[in-house]
Protein backbone atom coordinates (compact mmCIF):
# COMPACT_ATOMS: atom_id res chain seq x y z
CA LYS A 1 14.81 -22.95 16.57
CA GLY A 2 15.95 -19.64 18.04
CA ALA A 3 20.03 -19.22 18.69
CA ASP A 4 19.43 -21.12 21.90
CA ASP A 5 18.01 -24.09 19.79
CA GLU A 6 14.73 -23.96 21.91
CA LEU A 7 11.41 -23.90 19.72
CA SER A 8 10.26 -20.74 18.70
CA ASP A 9 6.80 -19.18 17.52
CA ASP A 10 8.69 -16.84 15.28
CA LEU A 11 7.97 -16.89 11.24
CA LEU A 12 10.86 -14.71 10.55
CA THR A 13 12.58 -11.79 12.13
CA VAL A 14 12.66 -8.70 10.27
CA LYS A 15 16.12 -7.19 10.92
CA LEU A 16 16.59 -2.92 9.69
CA ARG A 17 19.99 -1.28 9.66
CA TRP A 18 20.18 2.10 8.71
CA LYS A 19 22.44 5.70 8.70
CA GLN A 20 21.30 9.43 9.38
CA PRO A 21 22.34 10.74 6.48
CA GLU A 22 25.32 12.30 8.06
CA GLY A 23 25.69 10.06 10.53
CA SER A 24 28.73 7.31 11.10
CA VAL A 25 26.78 4.97 13.39
CA SER A 26 23.90 2.38 12.16
CA THR A 27 21.01 1.84 14.18
CA LEU A 28 19.66 -2.02 14.24
CA ARG A 29 16.11 -3.12 14.78
CA GLU A 30 14.78 -6.01 15.09
CA PHE A 31 11.36 -7.31 14.85
CA PRO A 32 10.32 -10.83 15.47
CA LEU A 33 7.06 -12.20 13.45
CA ALA A 34 5.45 -14.67 15.66
CA ASP A 35 2.73 -17.07 13.97
CA ARG A 36 -0.91 -16.74 15.22
CA GLY A 37 -2.14 -19.82 13.49
CA GLU A 38 -4.19 -18.11 10.85
CA THR A 39 -4.56 -19.11 7.31
CA PHE A 40 -3.72 -16.74 4.35
CA GLU A 41 -7.39 -16.03 3.56
CA GLU A 42 -7.38 -14.65 6.67
CA ALA A 43 -4.52 -12.14 6.50
CA SER A 44 -4.72 -8.49 6.00
CA ASP A 45 -5.87 -7.50 2.55
CA ASP A 46 -2.13 -5.61 2.99
CA LEU A 47 -0.49 -8.74 3.71
CA ARG A 48 -2.04 -10.65 0.53
CA PHE A 49 -2.00 -7.91 -1.86
CA ALA A 50 1.89 -7.42 -1.29
CA SER A 51 1.89 -11.38 -1.15
CA ALA A 52 1.08 -11.36 -4.84
CA VAL A 53 2.52 -8.39 -5.79
CA ALA A 54 5.85 -10.33 -4.65
CA SER A 55 4.76 -13.54 -6.53
CA PHE A 56 4.41 -11.02 -9.62
CA GLY A 57 7.63 -10.00 -9.43
CA MET A 58 9.36 -13.96 -9.22
CA LEU A 59 7.36 -14.67 -12.17
CA LEU A 60 8.44 -11.98 -13.98
CA ARG A 61 12.01 -12.92 -13.60
CA GLY A 62 11.41 -16.65 -13.68
CA SER A 63 12.42 -17.39 -10.29
CA LYS A 64 12.22 -21.35 -9.35
CA GLU A 65 11.48 -19.95 -5.96
CA SER A 66 7.45 -19.17 -7.25
CA GLY A 67 6.98 -22.39 -6.48
CA GLU A 68 3.59 -23.27 -7.99
CA MET A 69 2.01 -19.64 -8.87
CA THR A 70 0.67 -18.79 -11.66
CA TYR A 71 -0.22 -15.01 -13.10
CA LYS A 72 -3.74 -15.99 -12.61
CA LYS A 73 -3.27 -16.93 -8.89
CA VAL A 74 -1.44 -13.71 -8.85
CA GLY A 75 -4.63 -11.72 -10.15
CA GLN A 76 -7.08 -13.42 -7.91
CA ILE A 77 -5.10 -13.19 -4.80
CA ALA A 78 -4.93 -8.93 -5.75
CA GLY A 79 -8.35 -8.72 -7.02
CA GLU A 80 -9.88 -10.32 -3.70
CA ALA A 81 -7.01 -7.91 -1.82
CA LEU A 82 -7.74 -4.67 -3.01
CA GLY A 83 -9.03 -3.09 0.13
CA ASP A 84 -9.27 0.54 0.44
CA ASP A 85 -7.38 1.28 -3.12
CA PRO A 86 -6.78 5.75 -2.95
CA GLY A 87 -4.86 6.60 -6.24
CA SER A 88 -6.30 3.54 -7.35
CA TYR A 89 -2.67 1.96 -7.73
CA ARG A 90 -4.13 -1.76 -6.78
CA THR A 91 -6.89 -1.80 -9.28
CA GLU A 92 -3.59 -0.73 -11.75
CA PHE A 93 -1.76 -3.20 -10.86
CA THR A 94 -3.96 -6.23 -11.27
CA ASP A 95 -4.35 -4.11 -15.18
CA LEU A 96 -0.64 -5.41 -15.59
CA VAL A 97 -1.16 -8.87 -13.92
CA ARG A 98 -4.16 -9.29 -16.74
CA LYS A 99 -1.69 -8.09 -19.62
CA ALA A 100 1.23 -10.34 -18.60
CA MET A 101 -1.49 -13.01 -18.40
CA LYS A 102 -2.24 -12.51 -22.11
CA ASN A 103 1.76 -12.96 -23.33
């Protein structure tokens, strides 16, 4: 529900606030993200890879918010979402996940 208690298609709103380096007044920008009805598997490689990275962080710190996520599942998601990988940073991440699975 939105501020006026009406139903909304928005999943979330990203709010960014910043100041210029020498500034004293902050600027606020809001970006609503709507539910387009797509499944996780239909999401972009970038979004799926970012979700794997976030899940990995939650697993490393033992967050109860990680739900049913496992290192194996993180590795699977990341491996399937490598996409364009200049510098091989995404591949390096999948190597880190494999190392974490062994420990």
